[in-house]
């Protein structure tokens, strides 16, 4: 996963989803991704890190190291935790510019946009928006 581009990571996720014949398997995979998401330190589970626009509570912490942005996240909802884990996988370890301009086509390609409930879909959009907002903020600080 080191030094993969945002698009290469998205393509890898699309390939992984293609292994499943139905949405039951895909949901189980999303849940499994959520279970593998590293635990977010309690110090970051605060009001400032809650993503607005999500029905479930989602915490997102961003930091910059060596010119790249890193994201850590958590959620109380297991499906949402899996969704945010995919975004973390795609967006972490890239420059703020790459993140701010990324076209996250994997969301549509794997069918998330059409298979998630409207509230989850809106929440996913809010997560993407927040990650891009962090990237833009870090760009402005350079």
N, C-alpha and C. Protein backbone atom coordinates (compact mmCIF):
# COMPACT_ATOMS: atom_id res chain seq x y z
N UNK A 1 0.82 -1.19 0.00
CA UNK A 1 0.00 0.00 0.00
C UNK A 1 0.87 1.25 0.00
N UNK A 2 2.12 1.12 0.37
CA UNK A 2 2.99 2.29 0.39
C UNK A 2 3.19 2.84 -1.01
N UNK A 3 3.13 4.15 -1.10
CA UNK A 3 3.37 4.87 -2.35
C UNK A 3 2.36 4.57 -3.46
N UNK A 4 1.23 4.02 -3.12
CA UNK A 4 0.17 3.85 -4.12
C UNK A 4 -0.55 5.18 -4.27
N UNK A 5 -0.99 5.47 -5.49
CA UNK A 5 -1.76 6.70 -5.70
C UNK A 5 -3.18 6.51 -5.17
N UNK A 6 -3.88 7.61 -5.02
CA UNK A 6 -5.28 7.55 -4.59
C UNK A 6 -6.07 6.68 -5.56
N UNK A 7 -5.84 6.83 -6.86
CA UNK A 7 -6.59 6.05 -7.85
C UNK A 7 -6.22 4.56 -7.80
N UNK A 8 -4.96 4.25 -7.53
CA UNK A 8 -4.56 2.84 -7.42
C UNK A 8 -5.25 2.18 -6.22
N UNK A 9 -5.36 2.91 -5.13
CA UNK A 9 -6.03 2.37 -3.95
C UNK A 9 -7.53 2.18 -4.24
N UNK A 10 -8.12 3.17 -4.92
CA UNK A 10 -9.54 3.04 -5.29
C UNK A 10 -9.76 1.82 -6.19
N UNK A 11 -8.88 1.63 -7.15
CA UNK A 11 -9.00 0.49 -8.07
C UNK A 11 -8.89 -0.83 -7.31
N UNK A 12 -8.01 -0.86 -6.30
CA UNK A 12 -7.86 -2.06 -5.46
C UNK A 12 -9.17 -2.35 -4.71
N UNK A 13 -9.80 -1.32 -4.16
CA UNK A 13 -11.07 -1.48 -3.44
C UNK A 13 -12.15 -1.99 -4.40
N UNK A 14 -12.18 -1.43 -5.61
CA UNK A 14 -13.17 -1.86 -6.61
C UNK A 14 -12.98 -3.35 -6.92
N UNK A 15 -11.72 -3.77 -7.09
CA UNK A 15 -11.43 -5.19 -7.35
C UNK A 15 -11.89 -6.07 -6.18
N UNK A 16 -11.65 -5.61 -4.96
CA UNK A 16 -12.07 -6.39 -3.79
C UNK A 16 -13.59 -6.54 -3.76
N UNK A 17 -14.32 -5.49 -4.08
CA UNK A 17 -15.78 -5.57 -4.09
C UNK A 17 -16.29 -6.47 -5.20
N UNK A 18 -15.55 -6.53 -6.31
CA UNK A 18 -15.96 -7.38 -7.43
C UNK A 18 -15.92 -8.87 -7.08
N UNK A 19 -15.22 -9.22 -6.00
CA UNK A 19 -15.14 -10.62 -5.58
C UNK A 19 -16.46 -11.13 -5.01
N UNK A 20 -17.35 -10.20 -4.63
CA UNK A 20 -18.62 -10.59 -4.01
C UNK A 20 -19.74 -10.58 -5.04
N UNK A 21 -20.60 -11.61 -4.96
CA UNK A 21 -21.69 -11.74 -5.91
C UNK A 21 -22.92 -10.92 -5.50
N UNK A 22 -23.07 -10.68 -4.20
CA UNK A 22 -24.27 -9.98 -3.76
C UNK A 22 -23.93 -8.95 -2.68
N UNK A 23 -24.95 -8.16 -2.36
CA UNK A 23 -24.71 -7.09 -1.39
C UNK A 23 -24.59 -7.59 0.03
N UNK A 24 -25.10 -8.77 0.29
CA UNK A 24 -24.92 -9.33 1.63
C UNK A 24 -23.42 -9.52 1.91
N UNK A 25 -22.72 -10.09 0.95
CA UNK A 25 -21.27 -10.28 1.06
C UNK A 25 -20.52 -8.96 1.15
N UNK A 26 -20.97 -8.00 0.37
CA UNK A 26 -20.32 -6.69 0.38
C UNK A 26 -20.50 -5.99 1.72
N UNK A 27 -21.70 -6.09 2.28
CA UNK A 27 -21.93 -5.50 3.61
C UNK A 27 -21.06 -6.17 4.67
N UNK A 28 -20.94 -7.49 4.59
CA UNK A 28 -20.08 -8.21 5.54
C UNK A 28 -18.63 -7.76 5.41
N UNK A 29 -18.21 -7.53 4.17
CA UNK A 29 -16.86 -7.04 3.92
C UNK A 29 -16.66 -5.65 4.52
N UNK A 30 -17.64 -4.76 4.34
CA UNK A 30 -17.57 -3.41 4.91
C UNK A 30 -17.48 -3.49 6.43
N UNK A 31 -18.28 -4.36 7.03
CA UNK A 31 -18.26 -4.53 8.49
C UNK A 31 -16.88 -5.04 8.93
N UNK A 32 -16.33 -5.97 8.16
CA UNK A 32 -15.00 -6.51 8.47
C UNK A 32 -13.94 -5.41 8.41
N UNK A 33 -14.04 -4.54 7.40
CA UNK A 33 -13.10 -3.41 7.29
C UNK A 33 -13.20 -2.53 8.53
N UNK A 34 -14.42 -2.31 8.99
CA UNK A 34 -14.63 -1.49 10.19
C UNK A 34 -13.97 -2.11 11.42
N UNK A 35 -14.06 -3.43 11.51
CA UNK A 35 -13.45 -4.13 12.66
C UNK A 35 -11.94 -4.03 12.63
N UNK A 36 -11.35 -3.89 11.44
CA UNK A 36 -9.90 -3.81 11.30
C UNK A 36 -9.37 -2.39 11.46
N UNK A 37 -10.26 -1.42 11.49
CA UNK A 37 -9.83 -0.02 11.61
C UNK A 37 -9.14 0.17 12.96
N UNK A 38 -7.91 0.70 12.94
CA UNK A 38 -7.21 0.91 14.22
C UNK A 38 -8.03 1.78 15.16
N UNK A 39 -7.95 1.46 16.44
CA UNK A 39 -8.73 2.19 17.44
C UNK A 39 -8.27 3.64 17.50
N UNK A 40 -9.22 4.55 17.54
CA UNK A 40 -8.93 5.98 17.66
C UNK A 40 -8.71 6.30 19.13
N UNK A 41 -7.62 6.99 19.42
CA UNK A 41 -7.32 7.37 20.80
C UNK A 41 -8.47 8.20 21.37
N UNK A 42 -8.81 7.94 22.62
CA UNK A 42 -9.93 8.63 23.27
C UNK A 42 -9.79 10.14 23.24
N UNK A 43 -8.55 10.64 23.27
CA UNK A 43 -8.34 12.09 23.26
C UNK A 43 -8.89 12.75 22.00
N UNK A 44 -9.04 11.97 20.91
CA UNK A 44 -9.57 12.51 19.66
C UNK A 44 -11.08 12.32 19.51
N UNK A 45 -11.66 11.60 20.46
CA UNK A 45 -13.12 11.41 20.43
C UNK A 45 -13.77 12.58 21.17
N UNK A 46 -13.71 13.73 20.51
CA UNK A 46 -14.27 14.93 21.11
C UNK A 46 -15.17 15.66 20.11
N UNK A 47 -15.84 16.66 20.60
CA UNK A 47 -16.81 17.42 19.81
C UNK A 47 -16.19 17.99 18.53
N UNK A 48 -14.95 18.46 18.63
CA UNK A 48 -14.29 19.08 17.48
C UNK A 48 -14.08 18.10 16.33
N UNK A 49 -13.95 16.83 16.63
CA UNK A 49 -13.66 15.83 15.61
C UNK A 49 -14.89 15.08 15.10
N UNK A 50 -16.07 15.45 15.58
CA UNK A 50 -17.30 14.80 15.09
C UNK A 50 -17.67 15.39 13.74
N UNK A 51 -17.94 14.52 12.78
CA UNK A 51 -18.33 14.98 11.44
C UNK A 51 -19.80 15.37 11.46
N UNK A 52 -20.05 16.60 11.09
CA UNK A 52 -21.43 17.09 11.01
C UNK A 52 -22.09 16.49 9.76
N UNK A 53 -23.35 16.15 9.88
CA UNK A 53 -24.08 15.62 8.73
C UNK A 53 -24.17 14.11 8.72
N UNK A 54 -23.59 13.47 9.72
CA UNK A 54 -23.70 12.01 9.83
C UNK A 54 -24.75 11.68 10.88
N UNK A 55 -25.59 10.70 10.57
CA UNK A 55 -26.61 10.28 11.52
C UNK A 55 -25.96 9.59 12.72
N UNK A 56 -24.95 8.79 12.44
CA UNK A 56 -24.18 8.13 13.50
C UNK A 56 -23.03 9.06 13.87
N UNK A 57 -22.51 8.86 15.07
CA UNK A 57 -21.34 9.65 15.46
C UNK A 57 -20.11 9.10 14.75
N UNK A 58 -19.40 10.00 14.06
CA UNK A 58 -18.15 9.65 13.40
C UNK A 58 -17.11 10.67 13.83
N UNK A 59 -16.01 10.16 14.36
CA UNK A 59 -14.90 11.04 14.73
C UNK A 59 -13.84 10.93 13.65
N UNK A 60 -13.29 12.08 13.26
CA UNK A 60 -12.22 12.09 12.26
C UNK A 60 -11.11 13.01 12.75
N UNK A 61 -9.93 12.45 12.85
CA UNK A 61 -8.75 13.20 13.28
C UNK A 61 -7.77 13.22 12.12
N UNK A 62 -7.24 14.41 11.82
CA UNK A 62 -6.27 14.54 10.73
C UNK A 62 -5.00 15.18 11.27
N UNK A 63 -3.88 14.75 10.74
CA UNK A 63 -2.62 15.39 11.08
C UNK A 63 -1.68 15.30 9.89
N UNK A 64 -0.72 16.20 9.86
CA UNK A 64 0.22 16.27 8.75
C UNK A 64 1.60 15.85 9.23
N UNK A 65 2.25 15.03 8.41
CA UNK A 65 3.60 14.56 8.75
C UNK A 65 4.38 14.44 7.44
N UNK A 66 5.55 15.04 7.39
CA UNK A 66 6.40 14.98 6.20
C UNK A 66 5.66 15.39 4.92
N UNK A 67 4.82 16.42 5.04
CA UNK A 67 4.12 16.94 3.87
C UNK A 67 2.90 16.16 3.43
N UNK A 68 2.58 15.10 4.17
CA UNK A 68 1.41 14.28 3.81
C UNK A 68 0.39 14.31 4.94
N UNK A 69 -0.87 14.10 4.57
CA UNK A 69 -1.95 14.07 5.56
C UNK A 69 -2.25 12.63 5.94
N UNK A 70 -2.57 12.47 7.21
CA UNK A 70 -2.96 11.16 7.73
C UNK A 70 -4.29 11.32 8.46
N UNK A 71 -5.15 10.34 8.28
CA UNK A 71 -6.47 10.37 8.92
C UNK A 71 -6.63 9.18 9.84
N UNK A 72 -7.29 9.43 10.96
CA UNK A 72 -7.70 8.37 11.88
C UNK A 72 -9.17 8.62 12.16
N UNK A 73 -9.93 7.55 12.27
CA UNK A 73 -11.37 7.73 12.44
C UNK A 73 -11.96 6.59 13.26
N UNK A 74 -13.18 6.83 13.71
CA UNK A 74 -13.93 5.80 14.42
C UNK A 74 -15.40 6.17 14.37
N UNK A 75 -16.24 5.18 14.60
CA UNK A 75 -17.68 5.40 14.66
C UNK A 75 -18.28 4.35 15.58
N UNK A 76 -19.43 4.68 16.15
CA UNK A 76 -20.14 3.72 16.98
C UNK A 76 -20.95 2.75 16.13
N UNK A 77 -21.24 3.13 14.89
CA UNK A 77 -22.03 2.29 13.99
C UNK A 77 -21.08 1.45 13.13
N UNK A 78 -21.25 0.15 13.13
CA UNK A 78 -20.30 -0.76 12.51
C UNK A 78 -20.20 -0.60 10.99
N UNK A 79 -21.33 -0.39 10.30
CA UNK A 79 -21.28 -0.17 8.84
C UNK A 79 -20.56 1.14 8.55
N UNK A 80 -20.90 2.17 9.31
CA UNK A 80 -20.29 3.49 9.12
C UNK A 80 -18.79 3.41 9.37
N UNK A 81 -18.41 2.64 10.37
CA UNK A 81 -16.99 2.45 10.67
C UNK A 81 -16.29 1.83 9.46
N UNK A 82 -16.93 0.89 8.82
CA UNK A 82 -16.37 0.28 7.61
C UNK A 82 -16.26 1.27 6.46
N UNK A 83 -17.28 2.11 6.31
CA UNK A 83 -17.25 3.12 5.25
C UNK A 83 -16.11 4.11 5.47
N UNK A 84 -16.00 4.61 6.70
CA UNK A 84 -14.95 5.59 6.98
C UNK A 84 -13.57 4.93 6.86
N UNK A 85 -13.48 3.63 7.16
CA UNK A 85 -12.18 2.95 7.03
C UNK A 85 -11.73 2.93 5.57
N UNK A 86 -12.68 2.79 4.64
CA UNK A 86 -12.32 2.83 3.22
C UNK A 86 -11.81 4.22 2.84
N UNK A 87 -12.47 5.24 3.32
CA UNK A 87 -12.03 6.60 3.02
C UNK A 87 -10.65 6.88 3.61
N UNK A 88 -10.43 6.41 4.84
CA UNK A 88 -9.12 6.57 5.47
C UNK A 88 -8.05 5.87 4.62
N UNK A 89 -8.36 4.66 4.17
CA UNK A 89 -7.41 3.90 3.35
C UNK A 89 -7.07 4.65 2.06
N UNK A 90 -8.07 5.24 1.43
CA UNK A 90 -7.87 5.94 0.16
C UNK A 90 -7.13 7.27 0.36
N UNK A 91 -7.48 8.00 1.40
CA UNK A 91 -6.99 9.38 1.54
C UNK A 91 -5.72 9.54 2.37
N UNK A 92 -5.41 8.59 3.25
CA UNK A 92 -4.25 8.73 4.12
C UNK A 92 -2.93 8.63 3.35
N UNK A 93 -1.94 9.38 3.82
CA UNK A 93 -0.59 9.33 3.28
C UNK A 93 -0.48 9.92 1.89
N UNK A 94 -1.23 10.99 1.66
CA UNK A 94 -1.16 11.74 0.40
C UNK A 94 -1.03 13.22 0.74
N UNK A 95 -0.58 13.98 -0.23
CA UNK A 95 -0.43 15.42 0.02
C UNK A 95 -1.81 16.07 0.11
N UNK A 96 -1.89 17.21 0.79
CA UNK A 96 -3.17 17.93 0.84
C UNK A 96 -3.72 18.22 -0.56
N UNK A 97 -2.84 18.55 -1.50
CA UNK A 97 -3.28 18.84 -2.87
C UNK A 97 -3.93 17.62 -3.52
N UNK A 98 -3.30 16.45 -3.35
CA UNK A 98 -3.85 15.22 -3.93
C UNK A 98 -5.23 14.91 -3.35
N UNK A 99 -5.37 15.11 -2.05
CA UNK A 99 -6.64 14.81 -1.38
C UNK A 99 -7.72 15.81 -1.80
N UNK A 100 -7.35 17.08 -1.82
CA UNK A 100 -8.32 18.13 -2.16
C UNK A 100 -8.88 17.96 -3.57
N UNK A 101 -8.06 17.45 -4.48
CA UNK A 101 -8.49 17.34 -5.88
C UNK A 101 -8.91 15.92 -6.28
N UNK A 102 -8.87 14.99 -5.34
CA UNK A 102 -9.19 13.59 -5.66
C UNK A 102 -10.63 13.42 -6.11
N UNK A 103 -10.80 12.61 -7.15
CA UNK A 103 -12.13 12.21 -7.61
C UNK A 103 -12.36 10.82 -7.04
N UNK A 104 -13.26 10.72 -6.06
CA UNK A 104 -13.48 9.44 -5.39
C UNK A 104 -14.53 8.61 -6.15
N UNK A 105 -14.11 8.08 -7.27
CA UNK A 105 -15.01 7.33 -8.14
C UNK A 105 -15.36 5.95 -7.59
N UNK A 106 -14.57 5.44 -6.65
CA UNK A 106 -14.84 4.08 -6.15
C UNK A 106 -16.20 3.98 -5.47
N UNK A 107 -16.69 5.09 -4.90
CA UNK A 107 -17.98 5.08 -4.19
C UNK A 107 -19.10 4.67 -5.14
N UNK A 108 -19.09 5.23 -6.35
CA UNK A 108 -20.10 4.85 -7.34
C UNK A 108 -19.80 3.50 -7.98
N UNK A 109 -18.52 3.26 -8.27
CA UNK A 109 -18.14 2.02 -8.97
C UNK A 109 -18.48 0.76 -8.18
N UNK A 110 -18.37 0.80 -6.84
CA UNK A 110 -18.69 -0.41 -6.07
C UNK A 110 -20.18 -0.45 -5.73
N UNK A 111 -20.91 0.61 -6.06
CA UNK A 111 -22.35 0.62 -5.84
C UNK A 111 -22.79 1.18 -4.51
N UNK A 112 -21.88 1.80 -3.77
CA UNK A 112 -22.26 2.34 -2.46
C UNK A 112 -23.34 3.41 -2.59
N UNK A 113 -23.19 4.27 -3.58
CA UNK A 113 -24.14 5.38 -3.75
C UNK A 113 -25.56 4.87 -3.92
N UNK A 114 -25.70 3.73 -4.63
CA UNK A 114 -27.05 3.22 -4.89
C UNK A 114 -27.54 2.21 -3.86
N UNK A 115 -26.65 1.65 -3.04
CA UNK A 115 -27.07 0.63 -2.09
C UNK A 115 -27.17 1.09 -0.64
N UNK A 116 -26.68 2.29 -0.37
CA UNK A 116 -26.78 2.79 1.00
C UNK A 116 -28.09 3.54 1.18
N UNK A 117 -28.60 3.51 2.39
CA UNK A 117 -29.78 4.32 2.71
C UNK A 117 -29.39 5.78 2.51
N UNK A 118 -30.37 6.62 2.22
CA UNK A 118 -30.11 8.05 1.96
C UNK A 118 -29.31 8.70 3.09
N UNK A 119 -29.66 8.37 4.34
CA UNK A 119 -28.96 8.98 5.48
C UNK A 119 -27.49 8.55 5.51
N UNK A 120 -27.22 7.28 5.19
CA UNK A 120 -25.83 6.80 5.16
C UNK A 120 -25.07 7.42 4.00
N UNK A 121 -25.75 7.54 2.88
CA UNK A 121 -25.14 8.13 1.69
C UNK A 121 -24.77 9.60 1.98
N UNK A 122 -25.67 10.31 2.64
CA UNK A 122 -25.39 11.70 3.02
C UNK A 122 -24.22 11.76 4.00
N UNK A 123 -24.18 10.81 4.94
CA UNK A 123 -23.10 10.74 5.90
C UNK A 123 -21.76 10.49 5.23
N UNK A 124 -21.76 9.59 4.23
CA UNK A 124 -20.54 9.30 3.47
C UNK A 124 -20.06 10.56 2.76
N UNK A 125 -21.00 11.29 2.17
CA UNK A 125 -20.65 12.55 1.50
C UNK A 125 -20.08 13.55 2.50
N UNK A 126 -20.62 13.58 3.71
CA UNK A 126 -20.12 14.48 4.75
C UNK A 126 -18.69 14.11 5.17
N UNK A 127 -18.41 12.79 5.22
CA UNK A 127 -17.06 12.34 5.57
C UNK A 127 -16.05 12.79 4.51
N UNK A 128 -16.42 12.61 3.24
CA UNK A 128 -15.55 13.02 2.13
C UNK A 128 -15.32 14.53 2.19
N UNK A 129 -16.41 15.26 2.40
CA UNK A 129 -16.33 16.72 2.46
C UNK A 129 -15.39 17.18 3.59
N UNK A 130 -15.48 16.52 4.74
CA UNK A 130 -14.64 16.89 5.88
C UNK A 130 -13.17 16.58 5.60
N UNK A 131 -12.89 15.45 4.98
CA UNK A 131 -11.51 15.09 4.66
C UNK A 131 -10.92 16.10 3.67
N UNK A 132 -11.71 16.48 2.68
CA UNK A 132 -11.24 17.46 1.71
C UNK A 132 -11.08 18.84 2.37
N UNK A 133 -11.94 19.16 3.33
CA UNK A 133 -11.83 20.42 4.05
C UNK A 133 -10.52 20.48 4.85
N UNK A 134 -10.17 19.37 5.48
CA UNK A 134 -8.88 19.30 6.19
C UNK A 134 -7.74 19.52 5.20
N UNK A 135 -7.81 18.87 4.04
CA UNK A 135 -6.75 19.00 3.03
C UNK A 135 -6.60 20.45 2.59
N UNK A 136 -7.72 21.11 2.34
CA UNK A 136 -7.69 22.52 1.92
C UNK A 136 -7.12 23.40 3.03
N UNK A 137 -7.50 23.13 4.26
CA UNK A 137 -6.99 23.89 5.40
C UNK A 137 -5.48 23.71 5.54
N UNK A 138 -5.02 22.48 5.39
CA UNK A 138 -3.58 22.23 5.48
C UNK A 138 -2.82 22.86 4.30
N UNK A 139 -3.44 22.91 3.12
CA UNK A 139 -2.83 23.58 1.98
C UNK A 139 -2.64 25.06 2.29
N UNK A 140 -3.65 25.65 2.87
CA UNK A 140 -3.62 27.08 3.17
C UNK A 140 -2.54 27.41 4.20
N UNK A 141 -2.22 26.45 5.05
CA UNK A 141 -1.22 26.67 6.10
C UNK A 141 0.22 26.45 5.63
N UNK A 142 0.38 25.96 4.41
CA UNK A 142 1.74 25.72 3.90
C UNK A 142 2.41 27.01 3.48
